[in-house]
Amino acid sequence: MQSVPQQAALVAEPLDGLFRRNYGQLVATLTRIFGPQYLDLIEDVVQETLLKALGQWSYHGLPINPTGWLFRVARNAALDALRRERTLASKVDLLAGQLAETFPGSETALDTDERDDRLRDDQLCLIFGCCHPALPREAQIALTLKTLAGFGVPEIARAFLVPAPTIAQRLVRAKRTIRERDLSFALPAADELPARLDAVLAVLYLLFNEGYTAHSGPGLTRHDLCAEAIRLCSILADAPVGDTPRVHALLGLILLQASRLPARTDAGGDLLTLAAQDRARWDGRLIVAGLRTLRRAASGDRLTSYHLQAEIAACHALAPTHADTDWRRILTAYDSLARVDPSPVVLLNRAVALAEVVGVAEALAEVERLLTEPALDRYPLAHAARDAYARARDLTVNPAERRFLERQRDGVSE
């Protein structure tokens, strides 16, 4: 018979995904009701709610409606916290009334799919709200990743290739600006949405990337984050503001990338290179969906980084084998991408394609030059492109990525 701690561990395992899915919904809805000036309080309330759920559900099992339970507990905790704020005492009754509409008290109301769909839509509204023009672009994206997806500072720092203290300061300054200027995260007017679209797309792109190669955790990938990015991008693509070529290009890109998720690791969870992957395990339905979506991205006269990355992903998806890959077309796409987005990571990936087309010597010289960039010194796979795998191993946190780099290092030293 299993002990209580053993039973708790078994229950806690699937709870991580449940909590991740609901974190953004909880924060988004409470922020819409109370306002972004209370974002710190809201995040504390949500974290306390999830901890309470973990403690109770680990020992007593999941309630019939876990999402409804979380929202009711968060609602009550938020109201209690606000009652302790004397300056808000006069507003509590009004807020309680608004919450009663948002969180109906009956189990039946909370069980309906309609209620769940509306809560999820709040997340997309919050992304547009967080991407407020009063905040610097980098702060918009960092704040949204923390608020929507519950990313920690290290995860956001990895996405930006900057030190963690830099991200922490961006978040502090952003929240101070929100409080001092009493900014609203309400969904802006329709004519204001297009100006925020690029920042919103950057958030969805980074959300997917964190799922594709997780910063930390037992596995290389976080399928829940990839699925959430695809879901939100799909909703956006179906909305009037999102029915644009660059939105469809991003959606096509992440669908094509997601098609490879089943084949990215071996049976032990270790990372497999593109050449080593079993292409029979690639998800053909996602490939078809991605290619179909890219047809909708072909209109217009603006060539974005998402278009070019999607073209590269399509080249890989359409190659029956690694040897059949059209590397010259990929290199040409990277040349164009480097003009649109000359970031160190893009140039590093271009060097990989360069090695396939002209040989390793020229590509290695390019990698050596790129490794003088401070940003790439914090990017583990940049060191993997050279023989500095020991340095890369020390930088990465993800166990699967670490084992991959160790194998590469050992292979070079032989």
Protein backbone atom coordinates (compact mmCIF):
# COMPACT_ATOMS: atom_id res chain seq x y z
CA MET A 1 0.00 0.00 0.00
CA GLN A 2 1.35 3.43 -0.93
CA SER A 3 2.12 5.95 1.78
CA VAL A 4 0.39 9.35 1.85
CA PRO A 5 3.54 11.13 0.56
CA GLN A 6 3.77 8.63 -2.31
CA GLN A 7 0.13 9.22 -3.19
CA ALA A 8 0.70 12.97 -2.98
CA ALA A 9 3.61 12.73 -5.41
CA LEU A 10 1.47 10.81 -7.91
CA VAL A 11 -1.25 13.44 -7.76
CA ALA A 12 1.20 16.36 -7.89
CA GLU A 13 2.72 15.18 -11.18
CA PRO A 14 -0.30 16.02 -13.40
CA LEU A 15 -1.14 19.08 -11.31
CA ASP A 16 1.75 21.02 -12.80
CA GLY A 17 0.06 21.10 -16.20
CA LEU A 18 -3.31 21.94 -14.66
CA PHE A 19 -1.80 24.80 -12.67
CA ARG A 20 0.09 26.12 -15.69
CA ARG A 21 -3.10 26.14 -17.75
CA ASN A 22 -5.09 27.96 -15.08
CA TYR A 23 -2.43 30.40 -13.87
CA GLY A 24 -2.84 32.75 -16.80
CA GLN A 25 -6.63 32.50 -16.70
CA LEU A 26 -6.71 33.39 -13.01
CA VAL A 27 -4.32 36.33 -13.31
CA ALA A 28 -5.97 37.63 -16.48
CA THR A 29 -9.47 37.64 -15.05
CA LEU A 30 -8.53 39.11 -11.67
CA THR A 31 -6.45 41.79 -13.41
CA ARG A 32 -9.39 42.69 -15.63
CA ILE A 33 -11.61 43.08 -12.57
CA PHE A 34 -9.28 44.83 -10.13
CA GLY A 35 -6.87 46.61 -12.46
CA PRO A 36 -3.16 46.21 -13.22
CA GLN A 37 -2.14 48.51 -10.35
CA TYR A 38 -2.83 45.53 -8.06
CA LEU A 39 -0.85 43.07 -10.17
CA ASP A 40 1.55 42.17 -7.34
CA LEU A 41 -1.38 41.41 -5.03
CA ILE A 42 -3.12 39.37 -7.73
CA GLU A 43 -0.03 37.29 -8.44
CA ASP A 44 0.38 36.61 -4.71
CA VAL A 45 -3.27 35.56 -4.44
CA VAL A 46 -2.99 33.21 -7.42
CA GLN A 47 0.20 31.60 -6.10
CA GLU A 48 -1.37 31.12 -2.67
CA THR A 49 -4.43 29.55 -4.31
CA LEU A 50 -2.31 27.08 -6.25
CA LEU A 51 -0.31 26.18 -3.14
CA LYS A 52 -3.54 25.62 -1.22
CA ALA A 53 -4.83 23.40 -4.02
CA LEU A 54 -1.61 21.39 -4.06
CA GLY A 55 -1.84 20.80 -0.32
CA GLN A 56 -5.50 19.78 -0.33
CA TRP A 57 -5.69 17.85 -3.59
CA SER A 58 -2.52 15.87 -2.94
CA TYR A 59 -4.16 14.28 0.09
CA HIS A 60 -7.87 14.38 -0.73
CA GLY A 61 -7.88 14.04 -4.51
CA LEU A 62 -9.08 16.45 -7.18
CA PRO A 63 -12.51 18.08 -6.82
CA ILE A 64 -15.13 17.42 -9.46
CA ASN A 65 -14.43 20.79 -11.06
CA PRO A 66 -10.80 21.81 -10.37
CA THR A 67 -11.00 25.02 -12.42
CA GLY A 68 -14.13 26.17 -10.63
CA TRP A 69 -12.51 25.42 -7.27
CA LEU A 70 -9.44 27.49 -8.16
CA PHE A 71 -11.46 30.48 -9.28
CA ARG A 72 -13.72 30.46 -6.23
CA VAL A 73 -10.77 30.28 -3.83
CA ALA A 74 -8.91 32.99 -5.78
CA ARG A 75 -12.02 35.18 -5.75
CA ASN A 76 -12.40 34.88 -1.99
CA ALA A 77 -8.68 35.42 -1.36
CA ALA A 78 -8.67 38.52 -3.57
CA LEU A 79 -11.63 40.02 -1.76
CA ASP A 80 -10.11 39.26 1.64
CA ALA A 81 -6.85 40.90 0.59
CA LEU A 82 -8.67 43.97 -0.67
CA ARG A 83 -10.69 44.28 2.52
CA ARG A 84 -7.39 44.57 4.35
CA GLU A 85 -6.53 47.52 2.15
CA ARG A 86 -8.23 50.44 3.92
CA THR A 87 -8.06 52.61 0.84
CA LEU A 88 -10.21 50.08 -1.00
CA ALA A 89 -12.77 49.53 1.73
CA SER A 90 -15.37 51.64 -0.02
CA LYS A 91 -14.91 49.72 -3.28
CA VAL A 92 -15.21 46.19 -1.97
CA ASP A 93 -18.97 45.95 -2.32
CA LEU A 94 -18.80 47.16 -5.92
CA LEU A 95 -15.97 44.76 -6.75
CA ALA A 96 -17.80 41.91 -5.05
CA GLY A 97 -20.75 42.57 -7.32
CA GLN A 98 -18.53 42.51 -10.40
CA LEU A 99 -16.93 39.29 -9.22
CA ALA A 100 -20.32 37.71 -8.65
CA GLU A 101 -20.98 38.21 -12.36
CA THR A 102 -17.56 36.93 -13.38
CA PHE A 103 -17.52 33.98 -10.94
CA PRO A 104 -21.09 32.69 -10.63
CA GLY A 105 -21.55 30.87 -7.34
CA SER A 106 -23.21 27.77 -8.70
CA GLU A 107 -21.28 24.66 -9.70
CA THR A 108 -23.36 24.45 -12.88
CA ALA A 109 -22.28 27.86 -14.11
CA LEU A 110 -18.63 27.13 -13.49
CA ASP A 111 -18.88 23.77 -15.22
CA THR A 112 -20.07 25.17 -18.55
CA ASP A 113 -17.80 25.28 -21.56
CA GLU A 114 -19.03 28.81 -22.29
CA ARG A 115 -17.63 30.08 -18.99
CA ASP A 116 -14.29 28.34 -19.62
CA ASP A 117 -14.03 29.76 -23.14
CA ARG A 118 -14.67 33.30 -21.93
CA LEU A 119 -12.01 33.00 -19.26
CA ARG A 120 -9.47 31.81 -21.80
CA ASP A 121 -10.27 34.77 -24.03
CA ASP A 122 -9.35 37.02 -21.10
CA GLN A 123 -5.77 35.84 -21.56
CA LEU A 124 -5.54 37.19 -25.09
CA CYS A 125 -7.06 40.46 -23.89
CA LEU A 126 -4.43 40.60 -21.14
CA ILE A 127 -1.62 40.15 -23.66
CA PHE A 128 -2.82 43.18 -25.60
CA GLY A 129 -3.27 45.05 -22.33
CA CYS A 130 0.24 44.25 -21.07
CA CYS A 131 1.70 45.44 -24.37
CA HIS A 132 0.89 49.01 -23.35
CA PRO A 133 2.71 51.72 -25.37
CA ALA A 134 3.61 53.53 -22.14
CA LEU A 135 6.02 50.66 -21.37
CA PRO A 136 9.23 49.90 -23.29
CA ARG A 137 8.86 47.02 -25.77
CA GLU A 138 11.16 44.71 -23.78
CA ALA A 139 9.21 45.43 -20.59
CA GLN A 140 5.90 44.75 -22.34
CA ILE A 141 7.04 41.29 -23.38
CA ALA A 142 8.72 40.41 -20.08
CA LEU A 143 5.69 41.52 -18.05
CA THR A 144 3.32 39.55 -20.25
CA LEU A 145 5.37 36.36 -20.02
CA LYS A 146 5.47 36.63 -16.24
CA THR A 147 1.80 37.56 -15.87
CA LEU A 148 0.25 35.32 -18.50
CA ALA A 149 2.42 32.22 -18.36
CA GLY A 150 3.90 32.46 -14.88
CA PHE A 151 7.44 32.53 -16.27
CA GLY A 152 10.16 33.07 -13.72
CA VAL A 153 12.89 35.65 -14.16
CA PRO A 154 15.47 33.02 -15.33
CA GLU A 155 13.12 31.78 -18.08
CA ILE A 156 12.52 35.31 -19.35
CA ALA A 157 16.24 36.12 -19.17
CA ARG A 158 17.03 33.10 -21.32
CA ALA A 159 14.47 34.22 -23.91
CA PHE A 160 16.13 37.65 -24.15
CA LEU A 161 19.71 36.36 -23.73
CA VAL A 162 20.35 38.88 -20.96
CA PRO A 163 21.33 38.48 -17.28
CA ALA A 164 18.50 37.69 -14.86
CA PRO A 165 19.01 40.93 -12.84
CA THR A 166 18.32 42.91 -16.01
CA ILE A 167 14.92 41.24 -16.37
CA ALA A 168 14.15 41.70 -12.68
CA GLN A 169 14.80 45.43 -13.00
CA ARG A 170 12.63 45.68 -16.12
CA LEU A 171 9.74 44.09 -14.24
CA VAL A 172 10.19 46.36 -11.23
CA ARG A 173 10.25 49.48 -13.41
CA ALA A 174 7.25 48.32 -15.44
CA LYS A 175 5.12 47.71 -12.36
CA ARG A 176 6.18 51.07 -10.92
CA THR A 177 5.11 52.79 -14.14
CA ILE A 178 1.77 50.99 -14.02
CA ARG A 179 1.12 52.16 -10.46
CA GLU A 180 2.34 55.72 -10.90
CA ARG A 181 0.47 56.32 -14.17
CA ASP A 182 -2.55 54.23 -13.17
CA LEU A 183 -2.40 52.36 -16.47
CA SER A 184 -5.29 50.18 -17.57
CA PHE A 185 -4.90 46.71 -19.04
CA ALA A 186 -8.38 46.84 -20.54
CA LEU A 187 -8.57 45.72 -24.13
CA PRO A 188 -7.76 48.87 -26.14
CA ALA A 189 -10.03 50.30 -28.80
CA ALA A 190 -10.09 48.45 -32.11
CA ASP A 191 -8.06 51.14 -33.89
CA GLU A 192 -5.32 50.85 -31.24
CA LEU A 193 -4.89 47.08 -31.50
CA PRO A 194 -2.72 46.93 -34.66
CA ALA A 195 -0.03 49.07 -33.03
CA ARG A 196 0.36 46.43 -30.31
CA LEU A 197 0.25 43.41 -32.59
CA ASP A 198 4.01 43.00 -33.09
CA ALA A 199 4.62 42.87 -29.33
CA VAL A 200 1.78 40.36 -28.92
CA LEU A 201 3.31 38.13 -31.61
CA ALA A 202 6.69 38.33 -29.88
CA VAL A 203 5.05 37.09 -26.66
CA LEU A 204 3.41 34.13 -28.41
CA TYR A 205 6.67 33.31 -30.21
CA LEU A 206 8.67 33.26 -26.97
CA LEU A 207 5.93 31.30 -25.19
CA PHE A 208 6.20 28.59 -27.83
CA ASN A 209 10.00 28.64 -27.77
CA GLU A 210 10.05 28.04 -24.01
CA GLY A 211 7.83 25.02 -24.56
CA TYR A 212 9.95 23.77 -27.46
CA THR A 213 13.13 23.85 -25.37
CA ALA A 214 12.31 24.35 -21.72
CA HIS A 215 14.66 26.37 -19.54
CA SER A 216 14.33 23.91 -16.66
CA GLY A 217 12.37 20.89 -15.53
CA PRO A 218 12.76 17.14 -16.03
CA GLY A 219 12.01 17.12 -19.77
CA LEU A 220 13.43 18.91 -22.78
CA THR A 221 10.03 20.14 -23.90
CA ARG A 222 6.90 21.62 -22.32
CA HIS A 223 4.03 20.47 -24.53
CA ASP A 224 1.53 22.49 -22.49
CA LEU A 225 3.28 25.77 -23.34
CA CYS A 226 3.50 24.88 -27.03
CA ALA A 227 -0.19 23.98 -27.07
CA GLU A 228 -1.12 27.21 -25.30
CA ALA A 229 0.89 29.31 -27.77
CA ILE A 230 -0.82 27.55 -30.69
CA ARG A 231 -4.25 28.00 -29.09
CA LEU A 232 -3.79 31.71 -28.46
CA CYS A 233 -2.28 32.32 -31.89
CA SER A 234 -5.17 30.44 -33.51
CA ILE A 235 -7.70 32.61 -31.66
CA LEU A 236 -5.79 35.71 -32.73
CA ALA A 237 -5.63 34.58 -36.36
CA ASP A 238 -9.42 34.18 -36.41
CA ALA A 239 -10.00 37.67 -34.98
CA PRO A 240 -10.25 40.71 -37.28
CA VAL A 241 -7.10 42.33 -35.86
CA GLY A 242 -5.16 39.10 -36.31
CA ASP A 243 -6.22 38.20 -39.83
CA THR A 244 -2.92 39.45 -41.22
CA PRO A 245 -0.07 37.74 -43.08
CA ARG A 246 2.39 38.00 -40.19
CA VAL A 247 -0.03 36.38 -37.73
CA HIS A 248 -0.66 33.50 -40.14
CA ALA A 249 3.09 33.23 -40.72
CA LEU A 250 3.72 32.83 -36.98
CA LEU A 251 0.91 30.30 -36.63
CA GLY A 252 2.25 28.32 -39.59
CA LEU A 253 5.75 28.42 -38.12
CA ILE A 254 4.79 27.09 -34.70
CA LEU A 255 2.54 24.41 -36.20
CA LEU A 256 5.45 23.15 -38.31
CA GLN A 257 7.82 23.27 -35.35
CA ALA A 258 5.30 21.48 -33.12
CA SER A 259 5.07 18.66 -35.66
CA ARG A 260 8.58 17.58 -34.66
CA LEU A 261 7.93 17.47 -30.91
CA PRO A 262 7.25 13.70 -30.75
CA ALA A 263 10.63 12.95 -32.34
CA ARG A 264 12.88 15.48 -30.57
CA THR A 265 13.92 13.09 -27.78
CA ASP A 266 14.81 9.42 -27.54
CA ALA A 267 13.23 6.88 -25.18
CA GLY A 268 15.38 8.19 -22.33
CA GLY A 269 14.30 11.79 -22.89
CA ASP A 270 17.61 12.89 -24.40
CA LEU A 271 17.74 15.44 -27.21
CA LEU A 272 18.06 14.14 -30.78
CA THR A 273 19.51 16.24 -33.57
CA LEU A 274 17.41 16.86 -36.65
CA ALA A 275 19.50 14.32 -38.57
CA ALA A 276 18.93 11.64 -35.92
CA GLN A 277 15.17 12.09 -35.61
CA ASP A 278 12.76 9.44 -36.87
CA ARG A 279 10.70 11.44 -39.35
CA ALA A 280 7.96 8.84 -39.25
CA ARG A 281 7.20 10.20 -35.77
CA TRP A 282 6.66 13.74 -37.04
CA ASP A 283 3.00 14.74 -36.83
CA GLY A 284 1.76 14.85 -40.41
CA ARG A 285 -1.50 16.56 -39.44
CA LEU A 286 0.38 19.50 -37.97
CA ILE A 287 2.61 19.70 -41.04
CA VAL A 288 -0.44 19.88 -43.32
CA ALA A 289 -2.08 22.46 -41.05
CA GLY A 290 1.12 24.51 -40.97
CA LEU A 291 1.56 24.50 -44.75
CA ARG A 292 -2.11 25.38 -45.27
CA THR A 293 -1.76 28.28 -42.84
CA LEU A 294 1.33 29.54 -44.67
CA ARG A 295 -0.74 29.93 -47.83
CA ARG A 296 -2.80 32.53 -45.95
CA ALA A 297 0.46 34.24 -44.96
CA ALA A 298 1.56 34.71 -48.57
CA SER A 299 -0.52 37.82 -49.22
CA GLY A 300 0.71 41.33 -48.51
CA ASP A 301 4.03 43.00 -49.21
CA ARG A 302 5.73 42.81 -45.80
CA LEU A 303 8.23 39.98 -45.38
CA THR A 304 8.65 39.32 -41.66
CA SER A 305 11.02 37.14 -39.69
CA TYR A 306 8.11 34.77 -39.09
CA HIS A 307 7.67 34.27 -42.85
CA LEU A 308 11.34 33.43 -43.29
CA GLN A 309 11.53 31.14 -40.26
CA ALA A 310 8.39 29.39 -41.49
CA GLU A 311 10.01 28.89 -44.90
CA ILE A 312 12.99 27.25 -43.22
CA ALA A 313 10.71 25.04 -41.11
CA ALA A 314 8.78 24.06 -44.24
CA CYS A 315 12.00 23.02 -45.99
CA HIS A 316 12.74 20.63 -43.14
CA ALA A 317 9.15 19.37 -43.00
CA LEU A 318 9.04 18.60 -46.73
CA ALA A 319 12.38 16.73 -46.86
CA PRO A 320 11.78 12.94 -46.77
CA THR A 321 15.20 12.44 -45.19
CA HIS A 322 17.88 14.66 -43.71
CA ALA A 323 20.02 14.07 -46.80
CA ASP A 324 17.21 15.39 -49.01
CA THR A 325 17.07 18.74 -47.20
CA ASP A 326 17.34 21.73 -49.53
CA TRP A 327 20.15 23.43 -47.61
CA ARG A 328 20.82 26.01 -50.32
CA ARG A 329 17.27 27.28 -50.07
CA ILE A 330 17.57 27.28 -46.28
CA LEU A 331 20.82 29.26 -46.46
CA THR A 332 19.18 31.78 -48.80
CA ALA A 333 16.31 32.13 -46.35
CA TYR A 334 18.77 32.67 -43.50
CA ASP A 335 20.55 35.34 -45.55
CA SER A 336 17.23 37.17 -45.88
CA LEU A 337 16.40 36.56 -42.23
CA ALA A 338 19.74 38.02 -41.16
CA ARG A 339 18.82 41.24 -42.96
CA VAL A 340 15.43 41.40 -41.21
CA ASP A 341 16.64 40.19 -37.82
CA PRO A 342 20.46 40.24 -37.53
CA SER A 343 20.42 38.76 -34.04
CA PRO A 344 23.32 36.56 -32.88
CA VAL A 345 21.07 33.49 -32.65
CA VAL A 346 19.87 33.93 -36.24
CA LEU A 347 23.47 34.31 -37.43
CA LEU A 348 24.48 31.21 -35.48
CA ASN A 349 21.72 29.16 -37.11
CA ARG A 350 22.82 30.53 -40.47
CA ALA A 351 26.30 29.17 -39.75
CA VAL A 352 24.82 25.68 -39.38
CA ALA A 353 23.24 25.96 -42.83
CA LEU A 354 26.49 27.41 -44.17
CA ALA A 355 28.36 24.31 -42.96
CA GLU A 356 25.97 22.09 -44.92
CA VAL A 357 26.43 24.10 -48.13
CA VAL A 358 30.10 25.18 -48.21
CA GLY A 359 31.72 23.09 -45.51
CA VAL A 360 32.68 23.24 -41.85
CA ALA A 361 35.80 25.43 -42.10
CA GLU A 362 34.02 28.59 -43.23
CA ALA A 363 31.13 27.97 -40.85
CA LEU A 364 33.47 27.46 -37.90
CA ALA A 365 35.18 30.79 -38.59
CA GLU A 366 31.76 32.44 -38.50
CA VAL A 367 30.91 30.70 -35.22
CA GLU A 368 34.19 31.82 -33.66
CA ARG A 369 33.37 35.40 -34.60
CA LEU A 370 29.85 35.14 -33.24
CA LEU A 371 31.02 33.77 -29.91
CA THR A 372 32.61 37.13 -29.19
CA GLU A 373 29.04 38.47 -28.82
CA PRO A 374 28.19 38.79 -25.09
CA ALA A 375 24.64 37.56 -25.70
CA LEU A 376 25.80 34.30 -27.28
CA ASP A 377 28.17 33.68 -24.40
CA ARG A 378 24.98 32.99 -22.40
CA TYR A 379 23.44 30.82 -25.16
CA PRO A 380 24.37 27.18 -24.48
CA LEU A 381 23.98 25.83 -28.01
CA ALA A 382 26.34 28.48 -29.36
CA HIS A 383 29.14 26.80 -27.46
CA ALA A 384 27.89 23.45 -28.71
CA ALA A 385 28.56 24.67 -32.24
CA ARG A 386 32.21 24.87 -31.32
CA ASP A 387 34.24 22.59 -29.05
CA ALA A 388 33.41 24.55 -25.87
CA TYR A 389 30.78 22.04 -24.72
CA ALA A 390 31.93 22.09 -21.12
CA ARG A 391 31.16 25.80 -20.90
CA ALA A 392 27.75 25.24 -22.48
CA ARG A 393 26.96 22.41 -20.08
CA ASP A 394 27.58 24.73 -17.12
CA LEU A 395 25.22 27.34 -18.57
CA THR A 396 22.21 25.16 -19.32
CA VAL A 397 19.73 24.20 -16.61
CA ASN A 398 17.60 21.69 -18.50
CA PRO A 399 18.84 18.14 -17.76
CA ALA A 400 18.09 16.76 -21.23
CA GLU A 401 19.90 19.65 -22.92
CA ARG A 402 22.82 19.20 -20.51
CA ARG A 403 23.16 15.48 -21.37
CA PHE A 404 23.11 16.32 -25.08
CA LEU A 405 25.91 18.84 -24.70
CA GLU A 406 27.97 16.40 -22.66
CA ARG A 407 27.66 13.79 -25.42
CA GLN A 408 28.72 16.34 -28.03
CA ARG A 409 31.68 17.39 -25.89
CA ASP A 410 32.74 13.78 -25.45
CA GLY A 411 32.48 13.15 -29.17
CA VAL A 412 34.71 16.12 -29.99
CA SER A 413 37.37 15.06 -27.50
CA GLU A 414 37.72 11.57 -28.94
